[in-house]
Protein backbone atom coordinates (compact mmCIF):
# COMPACT_ATOMS: atom_id res chain seq x y z
CA PRO A 1 -54.98 -24.21 107.96
CA PRO A 2 -55.50 -21.67 105.15
CA SER A 3 -52.89 -21.54 102.42
CA HIS A 4 -52.04 -17.88 103.02
CA ILE A 5 -50.77 -18.57 106.56
CA PRO A 6 -47.04 -19.45 106.43
CA GLN A 7 -46.09 -22.81 107.83
CA HIS A 8 -43.31 -23.02 110.40
CA GLN A 9 -40.44 -25.18 109.14
CA GLN A 10 -37.28 -26.29 110.82
CA PRO A 11 -34.65 -23.65 109.93
CA GLY A 12 -31.74 -24.97 107.91
CA LEU A 13 -28.50 -23.52 106.66
CA VAL A 14 -28.87 -20.05 105.20
CA SER A 15 -26.81 -19.08 102.21
CA PRO A 16 -24.64 -16.03 102.98
CA LYS A 17 -25.15 -14.72 99.45
CA LYS A 18 -28.98 -14.88 99.38
CA LEU A 19 -31.00 -12.03 100.88
CA PRO A 20 -33.94 -12.91 103.19
CA ARG A 21 -37.30 -13.12 101.38
CA ILE A 22 -40.16 -10.68 102.22
CA PRO A 23 -43.10 -12.71 103.67
CA ASN A 24 -46.58 -12.61 102.17
CA THR A 25 -49.25 -10.32 103.68
CA PRO A 26 -51.88 -11.91 105.99
CA HIS A 27 -54.77 -10.58 103.84
CA ARG A 28 -56.70 -12.55 101.23
CA ALA A 29 -57.23 -11.44 97.66
CA SER A 30 -60.86 -10.69 98.46
CA SER A 31 -59.82 -8.09 101.04
CA ASP A 32 -59.37 -4.43 100.13
CA ALA A 33 -56.12 -4.25 102.11
CA PHE A 34 -54.63 -6.93 99.85
CA TRP A 35 -54.88 -4.49 96.91
CA SER A 36 -54.00 -1.29 98.79
CA ARG A 37 -50.74 0.24 97.55
CA GLU A 38 -50.10 2.15 100.76
CA PHE A 39 -50.44 -1.04 102.85
CA ILE A 40 -48.13 -2.99 100.55
CA ASP A 41 -45.47 -0.23 100.65
CA ASP A 42 -45.62 -0.12 104.43
CA TRP A 43 -45.43 -3.93 104.60
CA ASN A 44 -42.35 -4.03 102.32
CA ASP A 45 -40.61 -1.26 104.26
CA GLU A 46 -41.21 -3.12 107.51
CA HIS A 47 -40.01 -6.53 106.36
CA SER A 48 -37.21 -5.55 103.93
CA PRO A 49 -33.59 -6.27 105.13
CA LYS A 50 -31.97 -3.22 106.65
CA LYS A 51 -28.86 -1.78 104.97
CA ILE A 52 -26.01 -0.91 107.36
CA LEU A 53 -24.73 2.54 106.45
CA PHE A 54 -22.02 2.58 109.13
CA PRO A 55 -20.53 -0.86 109.89
CA ASP A 56 -19.80 -1.86 113.44
CA ALA A 57 -16.29 -0.85 114.48
CA THR A 58 -15.76 -3.98 116.61
CA LYS A 59 -16.62 -6.24 113.69
CA SER A 60 -14.28 -4.38 111.34
CA LYS A 61 -11.43 -4.71 113.86
CA THR A 62 -12.06 -8.44 114.14
CA THR A 63 -12.04 -8.81 110.37
CA THR A 64 -8.79 -6.83 110.09
CA ALA A 65 -7.18 -8.99 112.76
CA LYS A 66 -8.18 -12.14 110.89
CA LYS A 67 -6.73 -10.79 107.66
CA THR A 68 -3.50 -9.82 109.43
CA THR A 69 -3.19 -13.28 110.97
CA SER A 70 -3.78 -15.00 107.66
CA SER A 71 -1.32 -12.73 105.87
CA SER A 72 1.38 -13.50 108.44
CA LYS A 73 1.62 -17.04 107.15
CA PRO A 74 4.85 -17.88 105.35
CA PRO A 75 4.71 -17.38 101.60
CA SER A 76 4.17 -20.38 99.43
CA THR A 77 7.25 -22.12 98.16
CA THR A 78 5.98 -22.39 94.63
CA THR A 79 8.92 -22.38 92.24
CA THR A 80 8.84 -19.70 89.58
CA THR A 81 10.36 -20.34 86.20
CA SER A 82 13.20 -17.89 85.57
CA LYS A 83 13.64 -16.26 82.20
CA PRO A 84 16.41 -17.87 80.16
CA PRO A 85 19.43 -15.66 79.47
CA SER A 86 19.49 -13.82 76.17
CA LYS A 87 21.93 -14.52 73.36
CA THR A 88 23.76 -11.29 74.11
CA ALA A 89 24.25 -12.29 77.75
CA LEU A 90 25.48 -15.75 76.76
CA ALA A 91 27.94 -14.28 74.26
CA ALA A 92 29.24 -11.81 76.84
CA SER A 93 29.66 -14.60 79.39
CA ALA A 94 31.54 -16.74 76.85
CA ARG A 95 33.87 -13.84 76.01
CA GLU A 96 34.58 -13.21 79.68
CA ALA A 97 35.32 -16.91 80.31
CA LYS A 98 37.64 -17.04 77.30
CA LYS A 99 39.45 -13.91 78.46
CA SER A 100 39.99 -15.23 81.98
CA PHE A 101 41.24 -18.57 80.63
CA ALA A 102 43.73 -16.84 78.34
CA ALA A 103 45.17 -14.98 81.32
CA ALA A 104 45.60 -18.12 83.46
CA LYS A 105 46.38 -20.86 80.93
CA HIS A 106 50.20 -20.56 81.03
CA ALA A 107 50.46 -20.93 84.81
CA LEU A 108 47.81 -23.66 84.80
CA ALA A 109 49.70 -25.68 82.18
CA GLU A 110 53.02 -25.44 84.04
CA SER A 111 51.53 -26.47 87.39
CA PHE A 112 49.57 -29.41 85.98
CA LEU A 113 52.60 -30.72 84.06
CA ALA A 114 54.64 -30.70 87.28
CA GLU A 115 51.79 -32.44 89.12
CA LEU A 116 51.57 -35.11 86.41
CA ASP A 117 55.30 -35.80 86.56
CA GLU A 118 55.33 -36.06 90.34
CA THR A 119 52.23 -38.27 90.57
CA ILE A 120 52.67 -40.60 87.57
CA THR A 121 56.46 -40.99 87.20
CA ALA A 122 57.70 -39.81 90.61
CA GLY A 123 59.61 -36.97 88.92
CA GLN A 124 61.54 -39.16 86.43
CA LEU A 125 60.76 -37.06 83.35
CA SER A 126 61.91 -33.79 84.89
CA ALA A 127 65.06 -35.51 86.18
CA LEU A 128 65.90 -36.92 82.74
CA ALA A 129 65.36 -33.55 81.04
CA ALA A 130 67.02 -31.48 83.78
CA SER A 131 70.31 -31.12 81.87
CA THR A 132 68.50 -29.46 78.95
CA GLY A 133 66.28 -27.15 80.98
CA GLY A 134 63.41 -29.53 81.77
CA ILE A 135 60.23 -30.18 79.79
CA LYS A 136 59.31 -27.04 77.87
CA LEU A 137 55.77 -25.92 77.09
CA ASN A 138 55.49 -24.00 73.83
CA TRP A 139 52.26 -22.27 72.78
CA THR A 140 52.04 -22.01 69.00
CA ASN A 141 49.69 -20.66 66.32
CA LYS A 142 50.93 -23.11 63.67
CA LEU A 143 48.76 -26.03 64.84
CA ASN A 144 45.33 -25.56 63.27
CA THR A 145 43.63 -28.93 63.74
CA THR A 146 45.92 -30.65 66.29
CA ALA A 147 45.54 -29.72 69.93
CA GLY A 148 49.07 -30.67 70.98
CA ARG A 149 52.27 -32.40 69.97
CA ALA A 150 55.05 -34.05 72.00
CA ASN A 151 58.65 -33.60 70.80
CA TRP A 152 61.56 -35.64 72.12
CA LYS A 153 65.16 -36.07 71.03
CA ARG A 154 67.92 -38.06 72.71
CA GLU A 155 71.47 -36.75 72.46
CA THR A 156 74.52 -38.86 73.35
CA VAL A 157 77.63 -36.91 74.33
CA ARG A 158 81.01 -38.64 74.59
CA THR A 159 83.72 -36.84 76.55
CA LYS A 160 87.38 -37.92 76.72
CA ALA A 161 89.51 -37.34 79.78
CA ALA A 162 92.45 -34.93 79.30
CA ALA A 163 94.95 -37.22 81.09
CA ASP A 164 95.03 -40.01 78.49
CA PRO A 165 93.07 -39.17 75.31
CA THR A 166 94.08 -42.44 73.60
CA SER A 167 92.65 -44.71 76.30
CA SER A 168 89.11 -46.00 75.73
CA ALA A 169 88.52 -46.21 79.46
CA SER A 170 88.75 -42.43 79.76
CA VAL A 171 85.71 -41.82 77.49
CA THR A 172 82.60 -40.72 79.38
CA THR A 173 79.17 -41.11 77.74
CA THR A 174 76.33 -38.80 78.75
CA THR A 175 72.74 -38.95 77.51
CA LYS A 176 70.67 -35.78 77.25
CA HIS A 177 66.91 -35.68 76.73
CA HIS A 178 65.36 -32.74 74.87
CA ALA A 179 61.61 -32.78 75.62
CA SER A 180 58.91 -30.27 74.81
CA ILE A 181 55.14 -30.11 74.38
CA GLU A 182 53.51 -27.88 71.78
CA LEU A 183 50.07 -26.52 72.62
CA ALA A 184 47.73 -25.08 69.98
CA GLU A 185 46.53 -21.55 70.70
CA LYS A 186 43.67 -21.89 68.20
CA VAL A 187 42.35 -25.24 69.43
CA ILE A 188 42.75 -25.16 73.22
CA ASP A 189 40.17 -22.70 74.49
CA ASP A 190 39.14 -23.99 77.93
CA GLU A 191 40.65 -25.57 81.04
CA HIS A 192 39.21 -29.06 80.52
CA ARG A 193 40.68 -29.33 77.04
CA LEU A 194 44.04 -27.97 78.19
CA LEU A 195 44.44 -30.51 80.99
CA ASN A 196 43.48 -33.44 78.77
CA VAL A 197 45.89 -32.37 76.02
CA ILE A 198 48.79 -32.02 78.46
CA ALA A 199 48.01 -35.44 79.95
CA HIS A 200 47.93 -37.01 76.47
CA GLU A 201 51.26 -35.50 75.41
CA PHE A 202 52.79 -36.33 78.81
CA CYS A 203 52.00 -40.01 78.16
CA HIS A 204 53.88 -39.74 74.84
CA LEU A 205 56.97 -38.37 76.60
CA ALA A 206 56.80 -41.09 79.25
CA ASN A 207 56.51 -43.67 76.48
CA PHE A 208 59.59 -42.22 74.72
CA MET A 209 61.84 -41.47 77.67
CA ILE A 210 60.99 -44.22 80.20
CA SER A 211 59.50 -47.10 78.20
CA GLY A 212 61.87 -46.50 75.28
CA VAL A 213 59.14 -47.01 72.65
CA THR A 214 59.47 -44.71 69.65
CA THR A 215 58.01 -46.72 66.76
CA ASN A 216 54.44 -47.27 68.00
CA PRO A 217 53.24 -44.04 69.61
CA HIS A 218 49.74 -45.33 70.53
CA GLY A 219 50.63 -48.93 71.35
CA LYS A 220 50.05 -50.94 74.51
CA GLU A 221 52.79 -49.08 76.41
CA PHE A 222 51.12 -45.75 75.70
CA LYS A 223 47.77 -47.14 76.86
CA VAL A 224 49.35 -48.21 80.15
CA TRP A 225 50.50 -44.64 80.82
CA ALA A 226 47.10 -43.33 79.70
CA ALA A 227 45.31 -45.62 82.15
CA ARG A 228 47.51 -44.40 85.00
CA CYS A 229 46.70 -40.76 84.26
CA SER A 230 42.99 -41.47 83.94
CA ARG A 231 42.89 -43.31 87.27
CA ALA A 232 44.89 -40.64 89.09
CA PHE A 233 43.07 -37.56 87.75
CA GLY A 234 39.80 -38.90 86.36
CA GLU A 235 37.54 -37.93 89.24
CA SER A 236 39.39 -34.85 90.48
CA ARG A 237 40.22 -33.22 87.13
CA GLY A 238 38.05 -35.05 84.59
CA ILE A 239 41.07 -36.50 82.76
CA GLU A 240 40.42 -39.24 80.21
CA VAL A 241 43.43 -39.96 78.01
CA THR A 242 42.48 -41.59 74.69
CA THR A 243 44.49 -42.40 71.58
CA LYS A 244 43.08 -39.44 69.65
CA HIS A 245 41.83 -35.94 70.38
CA SER A 246 38.12 -35.64 69.57
CA TYR A 247 37.51 -31.92 69.97
CA ASP A 248 35.07 -29.64 68.20
CA ILE A 249 37.36 -26.86 67.07
CA ASP A 250 35.86 -23.39 67.13
CA PHE A 251 36.91 -22.04 63.74
CA LYS A 252 36.50 -18.33 63.21
CA TYR A 253 35.36 -18.56 59.56
CA ALA A 254 33.20 -21.03 57.66
CA TRP A 255 31.94 -21.39 54.08
CA THR A 256 29.23 -23.72 52.78
CA CYS A 257 28.69 -25.05 49.27
CA VAL A 258 25.39 -23.81 47.84
CA ASP A 259 24.83 -27.13 46.02
CA CYS A 260 26.05 -30.09 48.07
CA GLY A 261 26.22 -28.35 51.46
CA MET A 262 29.84 -29.27 52.23
CA GLU A 263 31.32 -26.97 54.86
CA PHE A 264 34.84 -25.55 54.85
CA LYS A 265 36.21 -24.12 58.12
CA ARG A 266 39.28 -21.95 58.56
CA HIS A 267 40.98 -19.95 61.30
CA SER A 268 41.60 -17.06 58.86
CA ARG A 269 39.80 -15.61 55.86
CA SER A 270 41.81 -17.76 53.45
CA ILE A 271 38.91 -18.68 51.14
CA ASP A 272 37.73 -16.21 48.51
CA PRO A 273 34.35 -17.23 47.01
CA LYS A 274 35.23 -15.30 43.85
CA ARG A 275 38.29 -17.50 43.20
CA HIS A 276 37.61 -20.75 45.05
CA ARG A 277 34.98 -23.43 44.43
CA CYS A 278 33.75 -26.53 46.24
CA GLY A 279 36.23 -29.39 45.91
CA ALA A 280 33.46 -31.98 45.59
CA CYS A 281 30.99 -30.52 43.08
CA LYS A 282 32.77 -27.33 41.87
CA SER A 283 29.82 -25.17 42.95
CA GLU A 284 29.99 -21.73 44.53
CA LEU A 285 30.81 -21.17 48.19
CA ARG A 286 28.90 -18.88 50.52
CA GLN A 287 30.29 -17.53 53.77
CA THR A 288 28.20 -18.63 56.75
CA LYS A 289 30.39 -17.63 59.70
CA PRO A 290 30.39 -14.81 60.38
CA VAL A 291 27.46 -13.92 58.14
CA PRO A 292 28.50 -11.02 55.86
CA ARG A 293 26.66 -7.77 56.30
CA VAL A 294 24.19 -6.92 53.56
CA ALA A 295 23.43 -3.41 52.33
CA LYS A 296 19.92 -2.01 52.06
CA ASP A 297 19.81 -2.61 48.31
CA GLY A 298 20.63 -6.29 48.79
CA GLY A 299 24.26 -6.07 47.67
CA LYS A 300 27.38 -6.51 49.73
CA GLN A 301 27.88 -3.68 52.19
CA GLY A 302 30.97 -1.62 51.39
CA PRO A 303 33.21 0.31 53.77
CA SER A 304 31.68 3.18 55.68
CA GLU A 305 32.64 6.81 55.23
CA TYR A 306 34.67 6.69 58.43
CA GLN A 307 36.57 3.59 57.27
CA VAL A 308 37.42 5.24 53.94
CA PHE A 309 38.64 8.35 55.78
CA MET A 310 40.80 6.28 58.14
CA LYS A 311 42.36 4.39 55.25
CA GLU A 312 43.22 7.57 53.35
CA GLN A 313 44.56 9.50 56.33
CA MET A 314 46.54 6.63 57.85
CA ALA A 315 49.34 6.88 55.28
CA VAL A 316 49.38 10.68 55.49
CA VAL A 317 49.67 10.80 59.28
CA ARG A 318 52.24 7.99 59.34
CA GLY A 319 54.40 9.98 56.90
CA GLU A 320 54.09 13.12 59.01
CA ASN A 321 55.00 11.27 62.23
CA PRO A 322 57.69 8.72 61.41
CA GLY A 323 58.59 6.37 64.23
CA SER A 324 55.34 6.93 66.14
CA PRO A 325 53.59 3.82 67.48
CA GLN A 326 50.38 2.57 65.89
CA LYS A 327 48.34 3.64 68.91
CA GLU A 328 49.48 7.25 68.52
CA ILE A 329 48.83 7.19 64.75
CA MET A 330 45.26 5.96 65.33
CA ARG A 331 44.67 8.71 67.89
CA LEU A 332 45.87 11.44 65.51
CA VAL A 333 43.78 10.15 62.60
CA ALA A 334 40.68 9.88 64.78
CA GLY A 335 41.26 13.46 65.95
CA ARG A 336 41.14 14.70 62.36
CA TRP A 337 37.75 13.12 61.84
């Protein structure tokens, strides 16, 4: 057959993205119709794919229904990474936790001490110290690096009967136990640390009052009491009584040597870099916690205008209102500003 006649082939898969091709004209190149522009335009118009100006409504409804069905599927369970909390949020959370612990620590300490005594010694310590008011818990600011301290004193009281003072048989001997536990306000700052400190000092009191050991505070007898506390409250309260407290103390102030890097930590601003030097290399100290504020010119930032005004007016207002509380004085001075 001539080459210009299209051959019939078995239809295959048609790509949905490819438009159908316009077939060749049946005329040869030697024919005038093959070169006629009017004939070619008519041929192309006849065999070109038709554009649908208004789509079929039934088809659009079917497509919408398919989309609705597919969209009704449950959302994917792909885990999204959450944004980590900011430093400000973490600091605010830490302040709130510290505030709530400070409000509940006294009641928590008393209840856990009673639970320790009942579970470990069957109430022996409270019975021995009952004549002196029981075991006392004292919160103190004097302990800077020690979390707690157990104090015990035994007092022997001899009383003679009034009937026959000269007879030795009429003398009555009574033993009193004075027991107390000191807890450091500056060191104990969370519940876990508080419970472990109380358990440690409780073992000291049991070692003194029940075992009668006063010369070797961390000997084998102490370790026996420590093991009992750890077994009884290890899983439920996280108690692990050791021979020493290994706590990272949160000091409020810190200075670092500019030469050797030795760090000095304090609970108060007791180090003055102008007067004090490093004990190891005698170099200057620089405050690193909290970092001092720096002025715009690079020097140390001085007091603000408001701070200077408050300092000057404080003495004046206090003299004008003798006997007024500090809160009222501050209110009056702030009102003058």
